[in-house]
C-alpha atoms as a PDB file:
ATOM      1  CA  PHE A   1       0.000   0.000   0.000  1.00  0.00           C
ATOM      2  CA  ASN A   2       2.882   2.364   0.792  1.00  0.00           C
ATOM      3  CA  TYR A   3       4.823   1.748  -2.428  1.00  0.00           C
ATOM      4  CA  ARG A   4       3.031   3.863  -4.998  1.00  0.00           C
ATOM      5  CA  ASN A   5       3.924   3.939  -8.686  1.00  0.00           C
ATOM      6  CA  HIS A   6       3.770   7.666  -9.371  1.00  0.00           C
ATOM      7  CA  ARG A   7       5.587   7.614 -12.730  1.00  0.00           C
ATOM      8  CA  LYS A   8       4.002   9.133 -15.840  1.00  0.00           C
ATOM      9  CA  ILE A   9       5.346   7.463 -18.986  1.00  0.00           C
ATOM     10  CA  VAL A  10       4.019   7.351 -22.544  1.00  0.00           C
ATOM     11  CA  ILE A  11       5.994   5.563 -25.293  1.00  0.00           C
ATOM     12  CA  ILE A  12       4.966   5.167 -28.940  1.00  0.00           C
ATOM     13  CA  ASP A  13       6.656   2.491 -31.089  1.00  0.00           C
ATOM     14  CA  GLY A  14       9.826   2.730 -29.013  1.00  0.00           C
ATOM     15  CA  ARG A  15      10.707   5.962 -30.820  1.00  0.00           C
ATOM     16  CA  VAL A  16       8.760   8.816 -29.212  1.00  0.00           C
ATOM     17  CA  GLY A  17       8.189   9.251 -25.509  1.00  0.00           C
ATOM     18  CA  PHE A  18       6.597  11.639 -23.039  1.00  0.00           C
ATOM     19  CA  THR A  19       7.076  12.177 -19.337  1.00  0.00           C
ATOM     20  CA  GLY A  20       6.447  14.826 -16.713  1.00  0.00           C
ATOM     21  CA  GLY A  21       3.642  15.497 -14.272  1.00  0.00           C
ATOM     22  CA  VAL A  22       0.539  15.038 -16.415  1.00  0.00           C
ATOM     23  CA  ASN A  23      -1.919  12.287 -15.524  1.00  0.00           C
ATOM     24  CA  ILE A  24      -4.657  10.924 -17.784  1.00  0.00           C
ATOM     25  CA  ALA A  25      -7.579  12.791 -16.244  1.00  0.00           C
ATOM     26  CA  ASP A  26     -10.419  15.092 -17.302  1.00  0.00           C
ATOM     27  CA  ARG A  27      -9.189  17.847 -14.978  1.00  0.00           C
ATOM     28  CA  TYR A  28      -6.456  18.677 -17.488  1.00  0.00           C
ATOM     29  CA  LEU A  29      -9.095  19.329 -20.158  1.00  0.00           C
ATOM     30  CA  THR A  30     -12.035  20.732 -18.242  1.00  0.00           C
ATOM     31  CA  GLY A  31     -10.617  21.582 -14.813  1.00  0.00           C
ATOM     32  CA  ASN A  32     -12.183  20.918 -11.421  1.00  0.00           C
ATOM     33  CA  ARG A  33     -12.948  22.944  -8.301  1.00  0.00           C
ATOM     34  CA  LEU A  34      -9.351  24.247  -8.391  1.00  0.00           C
ATOM     35  CA  GLY A  35      -9.679  25.343 -12.016  1.00  0.00           C
ATOM     36  CA  MET A  36      -7.514  24.191 -14.904  1.00  0.00           C
ATOM     37  CA  TRP A  37      -4.403  22.327 -13.789  1.00  0.00           C
ATOM     38  CA  ARG A  38      -1.052  23.841 -14.778  1.00  0.00           C
ATOM     39  CA  ASP A  39       1.486  21.101 -15.512  1.00  0.00           C
ATOM     40  CA  THR A  40       4.683  20.402 -17.441  1.00  0.00           C
ATOM     41  CA  PHE A  41       5.183  17.485 -19.836  1.00  0.00           C
ATOM     42  CA  MET A  42       8.025  16.883 -22.271  1.00  0.00           C
ATOM     43  CA  ARG A  43       8.397  15.021 -25.555  1.00  0.00           C
ATOM     44  CA  ILE A  44      11.567  12.984 -26.002  1.00  0.00           C
ATOM     45  CA  GLU A  45      13.107  11.534 -29.157  1.00  0.00           C
ATOM     46  CA  GLY A  46      16.427   9.829 -29.687  1.00  0.00           C
ATOM     47  CA  PRO A  47      18.334   7.293 -27.582  1.00  0.00           C
ATOM     48  CA  ALA A  48      16.840   8.570 -24.302  1.00  0.00           C
ATOM     49  CA  ILE A  49      13.640   6.770 -25.300  1.00  0.00           C
ATOM     50  CA  HIS A  50      15.332   3.503 -24.341  1.00  0.00           C
ATOM     51  CA  GLY A  51      15.610   4.769 -20.768  1.00  0.00           C
ATOM     52  CA  LEU A  52      11.860   5.408 -20.656  1.00  0.00           C
ATOM     53  CA  GLN A  53      11.134   2.032 -22.231  1.00  0.00           C
ATOM     54  CA  ASN A  54      13.360   0.197 -19.800  1.00  0.00           C
ATOM     55  CA  ALA A  55      11.561   1.821 -16.849  1.00  0.00           C
ATOM     56  CA  PHE A  56       8.144   0.933 -18.239  1.00  0.00           C
ATOM     57  CA  LEU A  57       9.028  -2.694 -19.021  1.00  0.00           C
ATOM     58  CA  THR A  58      10.601  -3.141 -15.580  1.00  0.00           C
ATOM     59  CA  ASP A  59       7.409  -1.851 -13.954  1.00  0.00           C
ATOM     60  CA  TRP A  60       5.334  -4.118 -16.204  1.00  0.00           C
ATOM     61  CA  PHE A  61       7.319  -7.159 -15.111  1.00  0.00           C
ATOM     62  CA  PHE A  62       7.086  -6.144 -11.445  1.00  0.00           C
ATOM     63  CA  VAL A  63       3.286  -6.088 -11.648  1.00  0.00           C
ATOM     64  CA  SER A  64       2.506  -8.905 -14.109  1.00  0.00           C
ATOM     65  CA  ARG A  65       5.646 -11.108 -13.979  1.00  0.00           C
ATOM     66  CA  GLN A  66       5.470 -10.963 -17.781  1.00  0.00           C
ATOM     67  CA  LEU A  67       8.824 -10.284 -19.458  1.00  0.00           C
ATOM     68  CA  LEU A  68       8.419  -8.189 -22.608  1.00  0.00           C
ATOM     69  CA  SER A  69      11.489  -8.137 -24.821  1.00  0.00           C
ATOM     70  CA  GLY A  70      12.502  -7.878 -28.448  1.00  0.00           C
ATOM     71  CA  ASP A  71      13.874  -5.427 -30.970  1.00  0.00           C
ATOM     72  CA  HIS A  72      10.442  -3.888 -31.563  1.00  0.00           C
ATOM     73  CA  PHE A  73      10.545  -2.547 -27.995  1.00  0.00           C
ATOM     74  CA  PHE A  74      14.057  -1.164 -28.497  1.00  0.00           C
ATOM     75  CA  PRO A  75      14.335  -0.253 -32.195  1.00  0.00           C
ATOM     76  CA  TYR A  76      17.608   1.036 -33.536  1.00  0.00           C
ATOM     77  CA  ILE A  77      17.665   4.823 -33.356  1.00  0.00           C
ATOM     78  CA  PRO A  78      20.366   6.361 -35.546  1.00  0.00           C
ATOM     79  CA  PRO A  79      22.409   9.214 -34.077  1.00  0.00           C
ATOM     80  CA  ILE A  80      20.867  12.624 -34.667  1.00  0.00           C
ATOM     81  CA  PRO A  81      23.346  14.825 -36.604  1.00  0.00           C
ATOM     82  CA  THR A  82      22.359  17.977 -34.728  1.00  0.00           C
ATOM     83  CA  PHE A  83      22.168  16.229 -31.372  1.00  0.00           C
ATOM     84  CA  ASP A  84      23.388  18.784 -28.845  1.00  0.00           C
ATOM     85  CA  ASN A  85      21.639  17.961 -25.599  1.00  0.00           C
ATOM     86  CA  VAL A  86      21.972  15.037 -23.244  1.00  0.00           C
ATOM     87  CA  ILE A  87      18.984  13.542 -21.425  1.00  0.00           C
ATOM     88  CA  GLN A  88      19.434  11.248 -18.463  1.00  0.00           C
ATOM     89  CA  ILE A  89      16.401   9.180 -17.455  1.00  0.00           C
ATOM     90  CA  VAL A  90      16.530   8.696 -13.690  1.00  0.00           C
ATOM     91  CA  THR A  91      14.274   6.404 -11.681  1.00  0.00           C
ATOM     92  CA  SER A  92      13.966   5.970  -7.955  1.00  0.00           C
ATOM     93  CA  GLY A  93      11.890   3.848  -5.657  1.00  0.00           C
ATOM     94  CA  PRO A  94      11.897   1.278  -2.862  1.00  0.00           C
ATOM     95  CA  ASP A  95      13.572  -1.225  -5.206  1.00  0.00           C
ATOM     96  CA  SER A  96      16.850   0.720  -4.969  1.00  0.00           C
ATOM     97  CA  ASP A  97      19.273   1.374  -2.121  1.00  0.00           C
ATOM     98  CA  TRP A  98      19.825   4.900  -3.485  1.00  0.00           C
ATOM     99  CA  GLU A  99      17.460   7.864  -3.664  1.00  0.00           C
ATOM    100  CA  ASN A 100      18.618   8.694  -7.181  1.00  0.00           C
ATOM    101  CA  ILE A 101      16.285  11.573  -8.032  1.00  0.00           C
ATOM    102  CA  GLN A 102      16.827  13.308  -4.709  1.00  0.00           C
ATOM    103  CA  GLN A 103      20.587  12.925  -5.067  1.00  0.00           C
ATOM    104  CA  GLY A 104      20.517  14.353  -8.600  1.00  0.00           C
ATOM    105  CA  ILE A 105      18.457  17.357  -7.498  1.00  0.00           C
ATOM    106  CA  PHE A 106      20.757  17.884  -4.515  1.00  0.00           C
ATOM    107  CA  VAL A 107      23.818  17.993  -6.777  1.00  0.00           C
ATOM    108  CA  ALA A 108      22.098  20.396  -9.190  1.00  0.00           C
ATOM    109  CA  ILE A 109      21.083  22.805  -6.412  1.00  0.00           C
ATOM    110  CA  THR A 110      24.441  22.752  -4.654  1.00  0.00           C
ATOM    111  CA  SER A 111      26.271  23.372  -7.937  1.00  0.00           C
ATOM    112  CA  ALA A 112      24.215  26.502  -8.707  1.00  0.00           C
ATOM    113  CA  ILE A 113      26.047  29.805  -9.107  1.00  0.00           C
ATOM    114  CA  LYS A 114      23.317  32.148 -10.392  1.00  0.00           C
ATOM    115  CA  TYR A 115      19.836  30.771  -9.797  1.00  0.00           C
ATOM    116  CA  VAL A 116      17.612  27.824  -8.903  1.00  0.00           C
ATOM    117  CA  TYR A 117      13.938  27.927  -9.959  1.00  0.00           C
ATOM    118  CA  VAL A 118      11.605  25.240  -8.592  1.00  0.00           C
ATOM    119  CA  GLN A 119       7.979  24.428  -9.392  1.00  0.00           C
ATOM    120  CA  THR A 120       6.285  21.831  -7.213  1.00  0.00           C
ATOM    121  CA  PRO A 121       2.692  21.263  -6.092  1.00  0.00           C
ATOM    122  CA  TYR A 122       3.788  20.015  -2.663  1.00  0.00           C
ATOM    123  CA  PHE A 123       6.677  21.612  -0.787  1.00  0.00           C
ATOM    124  CA  MET A 124       7.710  19.220   1.950  1.00  0.00           C
ATOM    125  CA  PRO A 125      11.456  18.936   1.340  1.00  0.00           C
ATOM    126  CA  THR A 126      13.619  16.399   3.095  1.00  0.00           C
ATOM    127  CA  ASP A 127      16.369  17.709   5.354  1.00  0.00           C
ATOM    128  CA  ILE A 128      19.010  17.297   2.649  1.00  0.00           C
ATOM    129  CA  ILE A 129      17.026  19.233   0.029  1.00  0.00           C
ATOM    130  CA  MET A 130      16.004  21.957   2.478  1.00  0.00           C
ATOM    131  CA  SER A 131      19.637  22.335   3.495  1.00  0.00           C
ATOM    132  CA  ALA A 132      20.671  22.586  -0.180  1.00  0.00           C
ATOM    133  CA  LEU A 133      18.074  25.294  -0.903  1.00  0.00           C
ATOM    134  CA  GLN A 134      18.982  27.290   2.202  1.00  0.00           C
ATOM    135  CA  THR A 135      22.734  26.983   1.620  1.00  0.00           C
ATOM    136  CA  ALA A 136      22.373  28.137  -1.986  1.00  0.00           C
ATOM    137  CA  ALA A 137      20.240  31.130  -0.971  1.00  0.00           C
ATOM    138  CA  LEU A 138      22.589  32.083   1.874  1.00  0.00           C
ATOM    139  CA  GLY A 139      25.450  31.919  -0.627  1.00  0.00           C
ATOM    140  CA  GLY A 140      23.840  34.530  -2.861  1.00  0.00           C
ATOM    141  CA  VAL A 141      22.100  32.248  -5.367  1.00  0.00           C
ATOM    142  CA  ASP A 142      18.668  33.454  -6.534  1.00  0.00           C
ATOM    143  CA  VAL A 143      16.503  30.594  -5.207  1.00  0.00           C
ATOM    144  CA  ARG A 144      12.802  30.726  -6.077  1.00  0.00           C
ATOM    145  CA  VAL A 145      10.161  28.136  -5.193  1.00  0.00           C
ATOM    146  CA  MET A 146       6.700  28.254  -6.773  1.00  0.00           C
ATOM    147  CA  ILE A 147       3.842  26.365  -5.120  1.00  0.00           C
ATOM    148  CA  PRO A 148       0.065  26.564  -5.566  1.00  0.00           C
ATOM    149  CA  GLU A 149      -1.972  28.859  -3.374  1.00  0.00           C
ATOM    150  CA  ARG A 150      -4.561  26.088  -3.084  1.00  0.00           C
ATOM    151  CA  THR A 151      -3.953  22.345  -3.318  1.00  0.00           C
ATOM    152  CA  ASP A 152      -6.205  19.324  -3.692  1.00  0.00           C
ATOM    153  CA  THR A 153      -5.955  18.389   0.002  1.00  0.00           C
ATOM    154  CA  PHE A 154      -5.994  20.548   3.136  1.00  0.00           C
ATOM    155  CA  MET A 155      -3.364  18.463   4.928  1.00  0.00           C
ATOM    156  CA  THR A 156      -0.711  18.751   2.211  1.00  0.00           C
ATOM    157  CA  GLN A 157      -1.271  22.479   1.874  1.00  0.00           C
ATOM    158  CA  SER A 158      -0.907  23.050   5.601  1.00  0.00           C
ATOM    159  CA  CYS A 159       2.202  20.886   5.699  1.00  0.00           C
ATOM    160  CA  SER A 160       3.749  22.704   2.713  1.00  0.00           C
ATOM    161  CA  TYR A 161       3.093  26.057   4.348  1.00  0.00           C
ATOM    162  CA  SER A 162       4.942  24.930   7.489  1.00  0.00           C
ATOM    163  CA  TYR A 163       8.232  24.964   5.533  1.00  0.00           C
ATOM    164  CA  ILE A 164       7.894  28.513   4.251  1.00  0.00           C
ATOM    165  CA  THR A 165       9.166  30.432   7.278  1.00  0.00           C
ATOM    166  CA  GLN A 166      12.537  28.681   7.489  1.00  0.00           C
ATOM    167  CA  SER A 167      12.906  29.058   3.719  1.00  0.00           C
ATOM    168  CA  LEU A 168      12.243  32.795   3.807  1.00  0.00           C
ATOM    169  CA  GLU A 169      14.634  33.259   6.715  1.00  0.00           C
ATOM    170  CA  ALA A 170      17.453  31.849   4.558  1.00  0.00           C
ATOM    171  CA  GLY A 171      16.600  34.117   1.630  1.00  0.00           C
ATOM    172  CA  VAL A 172      14.611  31.645  -0.479  1.00  0.00           C
ATOM    173  CA  LYS A 173      11.883  33.467  -2.419  1.00  0.00           C
ATOM    174  CA  ILE A 174       8.444  31.804  -2.239  1.00  0.00           C
ATOM    175  CA  TYR A 175       5.724  32.419  -4.825  1.00  0.00           C
ATOM    176  CA  LEU A 176       2.088  31.325  -4.540  1.00  0.00           C
ATOM    177  CA  TYR A 177       0.581  30.436  -7.914  1.00  0.00           C
ATOM    178  CA  ARG A 178      -2.959  31.825  -7.965  1.00  0.00           C
ATOM    179  CA  ASN A 179      -4.094  30.907 -11.474  1.00  0.00           C
ATOM    180  CA  ALA A 180      -5.749  27.549 -10.637  1.00  0.00           C
ATOM    181  CA  PHE A 181      -3.605  24.603  -9.455  1.00  0.00           C
ATOM    182  CA  MET A 182       0.145  24.329 -10.037  1.00  0.00           C
ATOM    183  CA  HIS A 183       0.938  20.621 -10.528  1.00  0.00           C
ATOM    184  CA  SER A 184       4.222  21.049 -12.422  1.00  0.00           C
ATOM    185  CA  LYS A 185       7.347  19.284 -11.164  1.00  0.00           C
ATOM    186  CA  ALA A 186      10.191  21.196 -12.823  1.00  0.00           C
ATOM    187  CA  ILE A 187      13.547  22.605 -11.725  1.00  0.00           C
ATOM    188  CA  VAL A 188      16.011  24.694 -13.738  1.00  0.00           C
ATOM    189  CA  VAL A 189      19.503  25.756 -12.661  1.00  0.00           C
ATOM    190  CA  ASP A 190      21.830  28.390 -14.177  1.00  0.00           C
ATOM    191  CA  ASP A 191      20.657  27.968 -17.802  1.00  0.00           C
ATOM    192  CA  GLN A 192      22.532  24.662 -17.725  1.00  0.00           C
ATOM    193  CA  ILE A 193      20.590  21.877 -16.020  1.00  0.00           C
ATOM    194  CA  SER A 194      16.865  21.212 -15.854  1.00  0.00           C
ATOM    195  CA  THR A 195      14.698  18.352 -14.722  1.00  0.00           C
ATOM    196  CA  ILE A 196      11.091  17.497 -15.507  1.00  0.00           C
ATOM    197  CA  GLY A 197       9.345  14.471 -14.104  1.00  0.00           C
ATOM    198  CA  SER A 198       6.916  12.950 -11.669  1.00  0.00           C
ATOM    199  CA  ALA A 199       8.739  13.620  -8.393  1.00  0.00           C
ATOM    200  CA  ASN A 200       7.314  16.262  -6.097  1.00  0.00           C
ATOM    201  CA  MET A 201       9.599  17.997  -3.632  1.00  0.00           C
ATOM    202  CA  ASP A 202       8.469  15.856  -0.716  1.00  0.00           C
ATOM    203  CA  PHE A 203       9.414  12.843   1.390  1.00  0.00           C
ATOM    204  CA  ARG A 204       7.152  10.387  -0.380  1.00  0.00           C
ATOM    205  CA  SER A 205       8.455  11.173  -3.859  1.00  0.00           C
ATOM    206  CA  TYR A 206      12.107  11.048  -2.821  1.00  0.00           C
ATOM    207  CA  GLU A 207      12.017   8.080  -0.444  1.00  0.00           C
ATOM    208  CA  GLN A 208       8.973   5.857  -1.052  1.00  0.00           C
ATOM    209  CA  ASN A 209       7.256   6.263  -4.432  1.00  0.00           C
ATOM    210  CA  PHE A 210       8.369   4.791  -7.731  1.00  0.00           C
ATOM    211  CA  GLU A 211       9.267   8.001  -9.594  1.00  0.00           C
ATOM    212  CA  LEU A 212      10.874   8.997 -12.887  1.00  0.00           C
ATOM    213  CA  ASN A 213      12.562  12.269 -13.857  1.00  0.00           C
ATOM    214  CA  ALA A 214      14.384  13.364 -16.983  1.00  0.00           C
ATOM    215  CA  PHE A 215      17.528  15.399 -16.305  1.00  0.00           C
ATOM    216  CA  ILE A 216      18.396  17.575 -19.315  1.00  0.00           C
ATOM    217  CA  TYR A 217      21.877  19.000 -19.794  1.00  0.00           C
ATOM    218  CA  ASP A 218      21.262  21.640 -22.447  1.00  0.00           C
ATOM    219  CA  GLU A 219      21.274  25.445 -22.400  1.00  0.00           C
ATOM    220  CA  LYS A 220      18.433  25.878 -24.904  1.00  0.00           C
ATOM    221  CA  THR A 221      16.080  23.650 -22.912  1.00  0.00           C
ATOM    222  CA  ALA A 222      17.058  25.287 -19.621  1.00  0.00           C
ATOM    223  CA  VAL A 223      16.442  28.785 -21.001  1.00  0.00           C
ATOM    224  CA  ALA A 224      13.042  27.741 -22.332  1.00  0.00           C
ATOM    225  CA  LEU A 225      12.083  26.281 -18.964  1.00  0.00           C
ATOM    226  CA  ARG A 226      13.383  29.401 -17.190  1.00  0.00           C
ATOM    227  CA  ASP A 227      11.179  31.579 -19.401  1.00  0.00           C
ATOM    228  CA  VAL A 228       8.154  29.404 -18.624  1.00  0.00           C
ATOM    229  CA  PHE A 229       8.843  29.829 -14.922  1.00  0.00           C
ATOM    230  CA  LEU A 230       9.006  33.620 -15.273  1.00  0.00           C
ATOM    231  CA  GLN A 231       5.742  33.640 -17.244  1.00  0.00           C
ATOM    232  CA  ASP A 232       4.075  31.644 -14.473  1.00  0.00           C
ATOM    233  CA  GLN A 233       5.569  33.990 -11.900  1.00  0.00           C
ATOM    234  CA  ALA A 234       3.379  36.751 -13.347  1.00  0.00           C
ATOM    235  CA  GLN A 235       0.403  34.719 -12.065  1.00  0.00           C
ATOM    236  CA  CYS A 236       1.860  34.564  -8.540  1.00  0.00           C
ATOM    237  CA  SER A 237       2.122  36.622  -5.412  1.00  0.00           C
ATOM    238  CA  GLU A 238       5.439  36.694  -3.557  1.00  0.00           C
ATOM    239  CA  ILE A 239       5.387  36.010   0.166  1.00  0.00           C
ATOM    240  CA  THR A 240       7.418  38.203   2.494  1.00  0.00           C
ATOM    241  CA  LEU A 241       8.766  37.077   5.832  1.00  0.00           C
ATOM    242  CA  GLU A 242       7.029  39.955   7.617  1.00  0.00           C
ATOM    243  CA  GLU A 243       3.540  39.135   6.354  1.00  0.00           C
ATOM    244  CA  TRP A 244       4.070  35.384   6.811  1.00  0.00           C
ATOM    245  CA  SER A 245       5.151  35.897  10.414  1.00  0.00           C
ATOM    246  CA  ASN A 246       1.918  37.763  11.144  1.00  0.00           C
ATOM    247  CA  ARG A 247      -0.384  34.850  10.358  1.00  0.00           C
ATOM    248  CA  PRO A 248      -2.840  33.854  13.115  1.00  0.00           C
ATOM    249  CA  ILE A 249      -1.338  31.613  15.783  1.00  0.00           C
ATOM    250  CA  LEU A 250      -4.059  29.005  15.227  1.00  0.00           C
ATOM    251  CA  THR A 251      -3.081  28.732  11.561  1.00  0.00           C
ATOM    252  CA  ARG A 252       0.556  28.180  12.487  1.00  0.00           C
ATOM    253  CA  ILE A 253      -0.391  25.517  15.016  1.00  0.00           C
ATOM    254  CA  LYS A 254      -2.425  23.652  12.376  1.00  0.00           C
ATOM    255  CA  GLU A 255       0.530  23.765   9.990  1.00  0.00           C
ATOM    256  CA  SER A 256       2.913  22.484  12.662  1.00  0.00           C
ATOM    257  CA  VAL A 257       0.601  19.575  13.432  1.00  0.00           C
ATOM    258  CA  ALA A 258       0.299  18.751   9.726  1.00  0.00           C
ATOM    259  CA  ARG A 259       4.088  18.756   9.448  1.00  0.00           C
ATOM    260  CA  LEU A 260       4.293  15.805  11.822  1.00  0.00           C
ATOM    261  CA  PHE A 261       2.714  13.727   9.038  1.00  0.00           C
ATOM    262  CA  SER A 262       4.983  14.996   6.227  1.00  0.00           C
ATOM    263  CA  PRO A 263       6.732  11.620   5.648  1.00  0.00           C
ATOM    264  CA  LEU A 264       3.325  10.040   5.003  1.00  0.00           C
ATOM    265  CA  LEU A 265       1.709  12.676   2.755  1.00  0.00           C
END
C-alpha cells in the first residue's frame, strides 16, 4: 500500500516518448474545483527513449511477472546529426538502495552559481534538500520556489506552508501560484541543467514512491524552462517574511501539526 507507482510514462513504437507530471484525467481538459491544472510534460526523441522504455518494461514485469522483450521494444535509433543535448532518465523507488532523483536534485542545487527555480505542487522537502536550498540562498544564489496557493488536500497544503518560514529566513523566495492549481514538477539551474518528471519535492516522492525524472543537460532547454517559470511567476504573489510571520497563531499551530505527518503525505 505504501509503495506507490507515481511515474508518468508514454511511449509510442519505441521511438517517441513523453514524461512529466501530467496524468490521464479530465481535470487537465475541463478543470475541477481548483480550475484548470497547470502542468509540465516533455516530448523525447532519440536514444533517451530507451531509458523510458526500460523503466516501463521493468514496472510491467514487477506487476505482471510478464517479461516483454525484443527489438520492436528497443528499435535502432540512428544518431541525430544535430544532437546537442543530453537527457538522463533517472528512476527511484523502494527497489533501490539509493534515492537517485533526490541525489541528482541535490547535486544540481548545490552546484548553482546564479539561480535555482523550482515548481512543485507540494513543498515538503527532506532535510538534505532543504539544506541545499537554504545553503544556496545564503550563498547569494537566486533561489525561487513556486507552489500553488490552493492544493487538492488541506493536509498537504498546511504541511507545505509549514516549511515557508525557514525558507524565507534563509533568503529563499516563495511564490504562490494563484491561477488555478500548479501541478508542475520542474527545476532549472543556471541555464545549464533542468529536470522534468513525476517527483514532487516531498518525502514520499524522494524516499517511497516509484518516480521517474528526466535530467536535461542543455542550455536551450534550460532557457526555455526558465522563461516558462518567469511567465508563471506573473500569475503569482510573492510572500514576504514579515507578512508570513503575522499569520494567526491558530493557523501556524495547524501547519505544525500537519508537518508531523509529512513523511506520510
